[in-house]
Full PDB file with SEQRES, HELIX, SHEET, SSBOND, CRYST1, ORIGX, SCALE, CONECT and MASTER records, all heavy atoms in Angstrom:
SEQRES   1 A   29  GLU ARG GLN LEU ALA HIS LYS GLU THR ASN LYS ILE ARG          
SEQRES   2 A   29  ALA ALA TYR ASN ARG ALA GLN TYR MET GLU GLU ARG THR          
SEQRES   3 A   29  ARG MET MET                                                  
HELIX    1 AA1 LYS A   11  ALA A   14  1                                   4    
HELIX    2 AA2 ARG A   18  GLN A   20  5                                   3    
HELIX    3 AA3 TYR A   21  MET A   28  1                                   8    
CRYST1    1.000    1.000    1.000  90.00  90.00  90.00 P 1           1          
ORIGX1      1.000000  0.000000  0.000000        0.00000                         
ORIGX2      0.000000  1.000000  0.000000        0.00000                         
ORIGX3      0.000000  0.000000  1.000000        0.00000                         
SCALE1      1.000000  0.000000  0.000000        0.00000                         
SCALE2      0.000000  1.000000  0.000000        0.00000                         
SCALE3      0.000000  0.000000  1.000000        0.00000                         
ATOM      1  N   GLU A   1      43.251  87.283-141.942  1.00  0.00           N  
ATOM      2  CA  GLU A   1      42.864  88.688-142.075  1.00  0.00           C  
ATOM      3  C   GLU A   1      41.505  88.954-141.460  1.00  0.00           C  
ATOM      4  O   GLU A   1      41.278  90.002-140.842  1.00  0.00           O  
ATOM      5  CB  GLU A   1      42.854  89.084-143.561  1.00  0.00           C  
ATOM      6  CG  GLU A   1      44.242  89.152-144.192  1.00  0.00           C  
ATOM      7  CD  GLU A   1      45.115  90.180-143.499  1.00  0.00           C  
ATOM      8  OE1 GLU A   1      44.840  91.393-143.644  1.00  0.00           O  
ATOM      9  OE2 GLU A   1      46.058  89.779-142.797  1.00  0.00           O  
ATOM     10  N   ARG A   2      40.573  88.018-141.612  1.00  0.00           N  
ATOM     11  CA  ARG A   2      39.264  88.191-140.999  1.00  0.00           C  
ATOM     12  C   ARG A   2      39.378  88.169-139.481  1.00  0.00           C  
ATOM     13  O   ARG A   2      38.696  88.918-138.776  1.00  0.00           O  
ATOM     14  CB  ARG A   2      38.311  87.072-141.459  1.00  0.00           C  
ATOM     15  CG  ARG A   2      37.719  87.289-142.828  1.00  0.00           C  
ATOM     16  CD  ARG A   2      36.916  88.573-142.927  1.00  0.00           C  
ATOM     17  NE  ARG A   2      35.817  88.597-141.979  1.00  0.00           N  
ATOM     18  CZ  ARG A   2      35.483  89.643-141.237  1.00  0.00           C  
ATOM     19  NH1 ARG A   2      36.178  90.767-141.327  1.00  0.00           N  
ATOM     20  NH2 ARG A   2      34.476  89.595-140.401  1.00  0.00           N  
ATOM     21  N   GLN A   3      40.242  87.308-138.966  1.00  0.00           N  
ATOM     22  CA  GLN A   3      40.410  87.258-137.519  1.00  0.00           C  
ATOM     23  C   GLN A   3      41.021  88.559-136.995  1.00  0.00           C  
ATOM     24  O   GLN A   3      40.694  89.009-135.900  1.00  0.00           O  
ATOM     25  CB  GLN A   3      41.302  86.075-137.144  1.00  0.00           C  
ATOM     26  CG  GLN A   3      41.383  85.807-135.655  1.00  0.00           C  
ATOM     27  CD  GLN A   3      40.017  85.482-135.069  1.00  0.00           C  
ATOM     28  OE1 GLN A   3      39.236  84.760-135.674  1.00  0.00           O  
ATOM     29  NE2 GLN A   3      39.720  86.043-133.906  1.00  0.00           N  
ATOM     30  N   LEU A   4      41.882  89.167-137.773  1.00  0.00           N  
ATOM     31  CA  LEU A   4      42.502  90.430-137.392  1.00  0.00           C  
ATOM     32  C   LEU A   4      41.576  91.622-137.616  1.00  0.00           C  
ATOM     33  O   LEU A   4      41.884  92.740-137.203  1.00  0.00           O  
ATOM     34  CB  LEU A   4      43.795  90.651-138.189  1.00  0.00           C  
ATOM     35  CG  LEU A   4      44.968  89.715-137.855  1.00  0.00           C  
ATOM     36  CD1 LEU A   4      46.041  89.804-138.929  1.00  0.00           C  
ATOM     37  CD2 LEU A   4      45.552  90.070-136.492  1.00  0.00           C  
ATOM     38  N   ALA A   5      40.430  91.387-138.295  1.00  0.00           N  
ATOM     39  CA  ALA A   5      39.468  92.450-138.630  1.00  0.00           C  
ATOM     40  C   ALA A   5      40.118  93.515-139.489  1.00  0.00           C  
ATOM     41  O   ALA A   5      39.897  94.709-139.310  1.00  0.00           O  
ATOM     42  CB  ALA A   5      38.870  93.064-137.366  1.00  0.00           C  
ATOM     43  N   HIS A   6      40.944  93.062-140.435  1.00  0.00           N  
ATOM     44  CA  HIS A   6      41.567  93.976-141.374  1.00  0.00           C  
ATOM     45  C   HIS A   6      40.640  94.255-142.552  1.00  0.00           C  
ATOM     46  O   HIS A   6      39.767  93.452-142.885  1.00  0.00           O  
ATOM     47  CB  HIS A   6      42.879  93.398-141.913  1.00  0.00           C  
ATOM     48  CG  HIS A   6      44.024  93.589-140.985  1.00  0.00           C  
ATOM     49  ND1 HIS A   6      45.224  92.920-141.115  1.00  0.00           N  
ATOM     50  CD2 HIS A   6      44.170  94.379-139.895  1.00  0.00           C  
ATOM     51  CE1 HIS A   6      46.047  93.286-140.157  1.00  0.00           C  
ATOM     52  NE2 HIS A   6      45.437  94.175-139.407  1.00  0.00           N  
ATOM     53  N   LYS A   7      40.864  95.380-143.184  1.00  0.00           N  
ATOM     54  CA  LYS A   7      40.100  95.736-144.376  1.00  0.00           C  
ATOM     55  C   LYS A   7      40.559  94.881-145.541  1.00  0.00           C  
ATOM     56  O   LYS A   7      41.756  94.701-145.766  1.00  0.00           O  
ATOM     57  CB  LYS A   7      40.299  97.221-144.702  1.00  0.00           C  
ATOM     58  CG  LYS A   7      39.566  97.701-145.932  1.00  0.00           C  
ATOM     59  CD  LYS A   7      39.848  99.169-146.157  1.00  0.00           C  
ATOM     60  CE  LYS A   7      39.145  99.679-147.397  1.00  0.00           C  
ATOM     61  NZ  LYS A   7      39.412 101.111-147.630  1.00  0.00           N  
ATOM     62  N   GLU A   8      39.613  94.357-146.293  1.00  0.00           N  
ATOM     63  CA  GLU A   8      39.934  93.555-147.470  1.00  0.00           C  
ATOM     64  C   GLU A   8      40.091  94.472-148.677  1.00  0.00           C  
ATOM     65  O   GLU A   8      39.180  95.207-149.057  1.00  0.00           O  
ATOM     66  CB  GLU A   8      38.811  92.549-147.744  1.00  0.00           C  
ATOM     67  CG  GLU A   8      39.058  91.703-148.980  1.00  0.00           C  
ATOM     68  CD  GLU A   8      40.371  90.947-148.919  1.00  0.00           C  
ATOM     69  OE1 GLU A   8      40.462  89.952-148.203  1.00  0.00           O  
ATOM     70  OE2 GLU A   8      41.323  91.406-149.593  1.00  0.00           O  
ATOM     71  N   THR A   9      41.289  94.481-149.260  1.00  0.00           N  
ATOM     72  CA  THR A   9      41.553  95.348-150.405  1.00  0.00           C  
ATOM     73  C   THR A   9      41.262  94.667-151.731  1.00  0.00           C  
ATOM     74  O   THR A   9      41.078  95.334-152.748  1.00  0.00           O  
ATOM     75  CB  THR A   9      43.032  95.803-150.391  1.00  0.00           C  
ATOM     76  OG1 THR A   9      43.875  94.647-150.375  1.00  0.00           O  
ATOM     77  CG2 THR A   9      43.318  96.640-149.152  1.00  0.00           C  
ATOM     78  N   ASN A  10      41.235  93.345-151.736  1.00  0.00           N  
ATOM     79  CA  ASN A  10      40.943  92.612-152.958  1.00  0.00           C  
ATOM     80  C   ASN A  10      39.427  92.442-153.083  1.00  0.00           C  
ATOM     81  O   ASN A  10      38.786  91.779-152.282  1.00  0.00           O  
ATOM     82  CB  ASN A  10      41.633  91.234-152.910  1.00  0.00           C  
ATOM     83  CG  ASN A  10      41.470  90.465-154.207  1.00  0.00           C  
ATOM     84  OD1 ASN A  10      40.354  90.226-154.657  1.00  0.00           O  
ATOM     85  ND2 ASN A  10      42.586  90.084-154.803  1.00  0.00           N  
ATOM     86  N   LYS A  11      38.817  93.058-154.100  1.00  0.00           N  
ATOM     87  CA  LYS A  11      37.363  93.071-154.227  1.00  0.00           C  
ATOM     88  C   LYS A  11      36.797  91.667-154.442  1.00  0.00           C  
ATOM     89  O   LYS A  11      35.694  91.365-153.997  1.00  0.00           O  
ATOM     90  CB  LYS A  11      36.949  93.993-155.378  1.00  0.00           C  
ATOM     91  CG  LYS A  11      37.227  95.457-155.092  1.00  0.00           C  
ATOM     92  CD  LYS A  11      36.723  96.336-156.218  1.00  0.00           C  
ATOM     93  CE  LYS A  11      36.973  97.801-155.921  1.00  0.00           C  
ATOM     94  NZ  LYS A  11      36.484  98.683-157.008  1.00  0.00           N  
ATOM     95  N   ILE A  12      37.538  90.820-155.152  1.00  0.00           N  
ATOM     96  CA  ILE A  12      37.041  89.469-155.401  1.00  0.00           C  
ATOM     97  C   ILE A  12      37.012  88.684-154.095  1.00  0.00           C  
ATOM     98  O   ILE A  12      36.038  88.015-153.763  1.00  0.00           O  
ATOM     99  CB  ILE A  12      37.925  88.750-156.445  1.00  0.00           C  
ATOM    100  CG1 ILE A  12      37.822  89.490-157.794  1.00  0.00           C  
ATOM    101  CG2 ILE A  12      37.497  87.299-156.588  1.00  0.00           C  
ATOM    102  CD1 ILE A  12      38.712  88.910-158.863  1.00  0.00           C  
ATOM    103  N   ARG A  13      38.091  88.780-153.322  1.00  0.00           N  
ATOM    104  CA  ARG A  13      38.135  88.091-152.047  1.00  0.00           C  
ATOM    105  C   ARG A  13      37.146  88.700-151.067  1.00  0.00           C  
ATOM    106  O   ARG A  13      36.568  88.007-150.239  1.00  0.00           O  
ATOM    107  CB  ARG A  13      39.554  88.151-151.469  1.00  0.00           C  
ATOM    108  CG  ARG A  13      40.435  87.089-152.108  1.00  0.00           C  
ATOM    109  CD  ARG A  13      41.910  87.306-151.889  1.00  0.00           C  
ATOM    110  NE  ARG A  13      42.294  87.683-150.550  1.00  0.00           N  
ATOM    111  CZ  ARG A  13      43.566  87.717-150.169  1.00  0.00           C  
ATOM    112  NH1 ARG A  13      44.525  87.362-150.997  1.00  0.00           N  
ATOM    113  NH2 ARG A  13      43.890  88.097-148.966  1.00  0.00           N  
ATOM    114  N   ALA A  14      36.926  90.029-151.171  1.00  0.00           N  
ATOM    115  CA  ALA A  14      35.973  90.672-150.270  1.00  0.00           C  
ATOM    116  C   ALA A  14      34.561  90.188-150.517  1.00  0.00           C  
ATOM    117  O   ALA A  14      33.720  90.188-149.616  1.00  0.00           O  
ATOM    118  CB  ALA A  14      36.039  92.194-150.443  1.00  0.00           C  
ATOM    119  N   ALA A  15      34.285  89.780-151.754  1.00  0.00           N  
ATOM    120  CA  ALA A  15      32.946  89.313-152.101  1.00  0.00           C  
ATOM    121  C   ALA A  15      32.685  87.898-151.617  1.00  0.00           C  
ATOM    122  O   ALA A  15      31.559  87.428-151.612  1.00  0.00           O  
ATOM    123  CB  ALA A  15      32.754  89.367-153.618  1.00  0.00           C  
ATOM    124  N   TYR A  16      33.726  87.209-151.208  1.00  0.00           N  
ATOM    125  CA  TYR A  16      33.573  85.842-150.716  1.00  0.00           C  
ATOM    126  C   TYR A  16      32.713  85.839-149.460  1.00  0.00           C  
ATOM    127  O   TYR A  16      32.805  86.743-148.623  1.00  0.00           O  
ATOM    128  CB  TYR A  16      34.962  85.258-150.406  1.00  0.00           C  
ATOM    129  CG  TYR A  16      34.960  83.804-149.980  1.00  0.00           C  
ATOM    130  CD1 TYR A  16      34.829  82.783-150.915  1.00  0.00           C  
ATOM    131  CD2 TYR A  16      35.092  83.465-148.640  1.00  0.00           C  
ATOM    132  CE1 TYR A  16      34.837  81.453-150.523  1.00  0.00           C  
ATOM    133  CE2 TYR A  16      35.102  82.139-148.235  1.00  0.00           C  
ATOM    134  CZ  TYR A  16      34.971  81.150-149.193  1.00  0.00           C  
ATOM    135  OH  TYR A  16      34.978  79.839-148.789  1.00  0.00           O  
ATOM    136  N   ASN A  17      31.886  84.850-149.321  1.00  0.00           N  
ATOM    137  CA  ASN A  17      30.988  84.771-148.177  1.00  0.00           C  
ATOM    138  C   ASN A  17      31.789  84.557-146.897  1.00  0.00           C  
ATOM    139  O   ASN A  17      32.267  83.461-146.614  1.00  0.00           O  
ATOM    140  CB  ASN A  17      30.001  83.618-148.368  1.00  0.00           C  
ATOM    141  CG  ASN A  17      29.001  83.529-147.242  1.00  0.00           C  
ATOM    142  OD1 ASN A  17      29.037  84.328-146.309  1.00  0.00           O  
ATOM    143  ND2 ASN A  17      28.114  82.562-147.330  1.00  0.00           N  
ATOM    144  N   ARG A  18      31.905  85.637-146.097  1.00  0.00           N  
ATOM    145  CA  ARG A  18      32.759  85.569-144.920  1.00  0.00           C  
ATOM    146  C   ARG A  18      32.223  84.615-143.852  1.00  0.00           C  
ATOM    147  O   ARG A  18      32.929  84.225-142.934  1.00  0.00           O  
ATOM    148  CB  ARG A  18      32.963  86.975-144.362  1.00  0.00           C  
ATOM    149  CG  ARG A  18      33.906  87.779-145.241  1.00  0.00           C  
ATOM    150  CD  ARG A  18      33.888  89.253-144.878  1.00  0.00           C  
ATOM    151  NE  ARG A  18      34.874  89.976-145.659  1.00  0.00           N  
ATOM    152  CZ  ARG A  18      34.722  90.327-146.929  1.00  0.00           C  
ATOM    153  NH1 ARG A  18      33.614  90.009-147.565  1.00  0.00           N  
ATOM    154  NH2 ARG A  18      35.655  90.977-147.579  1.00  0.00           N  
ATOM    155  N   ALA A  19      30.956  84.309-143.931  1.00  0.00           N  
ATOM    156  CA  ALA A  19      30.394  83.358-142.968  1.00  0.00           C  
ATOM    157  C   ALA A  19      31.097  82.014-143.073  1.00  0.00           C  
ATOM    158  O   ALA A  19      31.185  81.265-142.097  1.00  0.00           O  
ATOM    159  CB  ALA A  19      28.899  83.199-143.209  1.00  0.00           C  
ATOM    160  N   GLN A  20      31.624  81.694-144.287  1.00  0.00           N  
ATOM    161  CA  GLN A  20      32.315  80.426-144.462  1.00  0.00           C  
ATOM    162  C   GLN A  20      33.659  80.393-143.736  1.00  0.00           C  
ATOM    163  O   GLN A  20      34.230  79.336-143.546  1.00  0.00           O  
ATOM    164  CB  GLN A  20      32.512  80.154-145.957  1.00  0.00           C  
ATOM    165  CG  GLN A  20      31.202  79.952-146.717  1.00  0.00           C  
ATOM    166  CD  GLN A  20      31.453  79.650-148.179  1.00  0.00           C  
ATOM    167  OE1 GLN A  20      32.568  79.307-148.562  1.00  0.00           O  
ATOM    168  NE2 GLN A  20      30.418  79.787-148.991  1.00  0.00           N  
ATOM    169  N   TYR A  21      34.153  81.557-143.343  1.00  0.00           N  
ATOM    170  CA  TYR A  21      35.415  81.606-142.616  1.00  0.00           C  
ATOM    171  C   TYR A  21      35.241  81.242-141.150  1.00  0.00           C  
ATOM    172  O   TYR A  21      36.212  80.951-140.463  1.00  0.00           O  
ATOM    173  CB  TYR A  21      36.036  83.007-142.696  1.00  0.00           C  
ATOM    174  CG  TYR A  21      36.592  83.373-144.044  1.00  0.00           C  
ATOM    175  CD1 TYR A  21      36.431  84.662-144.556  1.00  0.00           C  
ATOM    176  CD2 TYR A  21      37.301  82.450-144.813  1.00  0.00           C  
ATOM    177  CE1 TYR A  21      36.939  85.009-145.789  1.00  0.00           C  
ATOM    178  CE2 TYR A  21      37.814  82.790-146.051  1.00  0.00           C  
ATOM    179  CZ  TYR A  21      37.632  84.077-146.535  1.00  0.00           C  
ATOM    180  OH  TYR A  21      38.139  84.428-147.755  1.00  0.00           O  
ATOM    181  N   MET A  22      34.038  81.321-140.635  1.00  0.00           N  
ATOM    182  CA  MET A  22      33.838  81.158-139.201  1.00  0.00           C  
ATOM    183  C   MET A  22      34.289  79.782-138.711  1.00  0.00           C  
ATOM    184  O   MET A  22      35.018  79.674-137.715  1.00  0.00           O  
ATOM    185  CB  MET A  22      32.365  81.386-138.848  1.00  0.00           C  
ATOM    186  CG  MET A  22      32.124  81.503-137.359  1.00  0.00           C  
ATOM    187  SD  MET A  22      33.030  82.908-136.663  1.00  0.00           S  
ATOM    188  CE  MET A  22      32.886  82.555-134.929  1.00  0.00           C  
ATOM    189  N   GLU A  23      33.889  78.759-139.397  1.00  0.00           N  
ATOM    190  CA  GLU A  23      34.286  77.410-138.996  1.00  0.00           C  
ATOM    191  C   GLU A  23      35.796  77.250-139.115  1.00  0.00           C  
ATOM    192  O   GLU A  23      36.433  76.649-138.246  1.00  0.00           O  
ATOM    193  CB  GLU A  23      33.559  76.382-139.864  1.00  0.00           C  
ATOM    194  CG  GLU A  23      33.834  74.935-139.448  1.00  0.00           C  
ATOM    195  CD  GLU A  23      33.057  73.930-140.283  1.00  0.00           C  
ATOM    196  OE1 GLU A  23      32.143  74.348-141.033  1.00  0.00           O  
ATOM    197  OE2 GLU A  23      33.379  72.731-140.196  1.00  0.00           O  
ATOM    198  N   GLU A  24      36.335  77.816-140.180  1.00  0.00           N  
ATOM    199  CA  GLU A  24      37.776  77.714-140.388  1.00  0.00           C  
ATOM    200  C   GLU A  24      38.535  78.503-139.320  1.00  0.00           C  
ATOM    201  O   GLU A  24      39.562  78.047-138.796  1.00  0.00           O  
ATOM    202  CB  GLU A  24      38.134  78.244-141.784  1.00  0.00           C  
ATOM    203  CG  GLU A  24      39.605  78.109-142.135  1.00  0.00           C  
ATOM    204  CD  GLU A  24      39.887  78.532-143.565  1.00  0.00           C  
ATOM    205  OE1 GLU A  24      38.938  78.941-144.271  1.00  0.00           O  
ATOM    206  OE2 GLU A  24      41.058  78.456-143.972  1.00  0.00           O  
ATOM    207  N   ARG A  25      38.024  79.667-138.964  1.00  0.00           N  
ATOM    208  CA  ARG A  25      38.679  80.473-137.933  1.00  0.00           C  
ATOM    209  C   ARG A  25      38.587  79.805-136.565  1.00  0.00           C  
ATOM    210  O   ARG A  25      39.511  79.920-135.748  1.00  0.00           O  
ATOM    211  CB  ARG A  25      38.054  81.870-137.876  1.00  0.00           C  
ATOM    212  CG  ARG A  25      38.419  82.745-139.063  1.00  0.00           C  
ATOM    213  CD  ARG A  25      38.148  84.206-138.791  1.00  0.00           C  
ATOM    214  NE  ARG A  25      36.731  84.523-138.705  1.00  0.00           N  
ATOM    215  CZ  ARG A  25      36.169  85.157-137.686  1.00  0.00           C  
ATOM    216  NH1 ARG A  25      36.893  85.492-136.630  1.00  0.00           N  
ATOM    217  NH2 ARG A  25      34.886  85.430-137.690  1.00  0.00           N  
ATOM    218  N   THR A  26      37.486  79.123-136.312  1.00  0.00           N  
ATOM    219  CA  THR A  26      37.338  78.407-135.036  1.00  0.00           C  
ATOM    220  C   THR A  26      38.421  77.339-134.896  1.00  0.00           C  
ATOM    221  O   THR A  26      39.063  77.205-133.845  1.00  0.00           O  
ATOM    222  CB  THR A  26      35.941  77.773-134.939  1.00  0.00           C  
ATOM    223  OG1 THR A  26      34.949  78.809-135.028  1.00  0.00           O  
ATOM    224  CG2 THR A  26      35.783  77.014-133.638  1.00  0.00           C  
ATOM    225  N   ARG A  27      38.624  76.573-135.971  1.00  0.00           N  
ATOM    226  CA  ARG A  27      39.678  75.553-135.939  1.00  0.00           C  
ATOM    227  C   ARG A  27      41.053  76.206-135.823  1.00  0.00           C  
ATOM    228  O   ARG A  27      41.930  75.706-135.103  1.00  0.00           O  
ATOM    229  CB  ARG A  27      39.609  74.692-137.211  1.00  0.00           C  
ATOM    230  CG  ARG A  27      38.373  73.813-137.307  1.00  0.00           C  
ATOM    231  CD  ARG A  27      38.566  72.731-138.374  1.00  0.00           C  
ATOM    232  NE  ARG A  27      38.816  73.315-139.689  1.00  0.00           N  
ATOM    233  CZ  ARG A  27      37.871  73.605-140.573  1.00  0.00           C  
ATOM    234  NH1 ARG A  27      36.596  73.361-140.275  1.00  0.00           N  
ATOM    235  NH2 ARG A  27      38.178  74.106-141.752  1.00  0.00           N  
ATOM    236  N   MET A  28      41.241  77.298-136.548  1.00  0.00           N  
ATOM    237  CA  MET A  28      42.534  77.974-136.538  1.00  0.00           C  
ATOM    238  C   MET A  28      42.873  78.509-135.148  1.00  0.00           C  
ATOM    239  O   MET A  28      44.013  78.356-134.672  1.00  0.00           O  
ATOM    240  CB  MET A  28      42.518  79.130-137.548  1.00  0.00           C  
ATOM    241  CG  MET A  28      43.815  79.933-137.600  1.00  0.00           C  
ATOM    242  SD  MET A  28      43.725  81.313-138.763  1.00  0.00           S  
ATOM    243  CE  MET A  28      42.656  82.454-137.857  1.00  0.00           C  
ATOM    244  N   MET A  29      41.898  79.116-134.464  1.00  0.00           N  
ATOM    245  CA  MET A  29      42.167  79.694-133.155  1.00  0.00           C  
ATOM    246  C   MET A  29      42.491  78.627-132.106  1.00  0.00           C  
ATOM    247  O   MET A  29      43.310  78.846-131.215  1.00  0.00           O  
ATOM    248  CB  MET A  29      40.975  80.543-132.706  1.00  0.00           C  
ATOM    249  CG  MET A  29      40.720  81.762-133.591  1.00  0.00           C  
ATOM    250  SD  MET A  29      42.143  82.878-133.679  1.00  0.00           S  
ATOM    251  CE  MET A  29      41.998  83.713-132.106  1.00  0.00           C  
TER     252      MET A  29                                                      
MASTER        0    0    0    3    0    0    0    6  251    1    0    3          
END                                                                             
């Protein structure tokens, strides 16, 4: 969802530090 730049509707998940997704998204891509 972060890679798609979609709006996060879940407030708990939205509060998660998105910077931590960067490494994971790099591997995913």
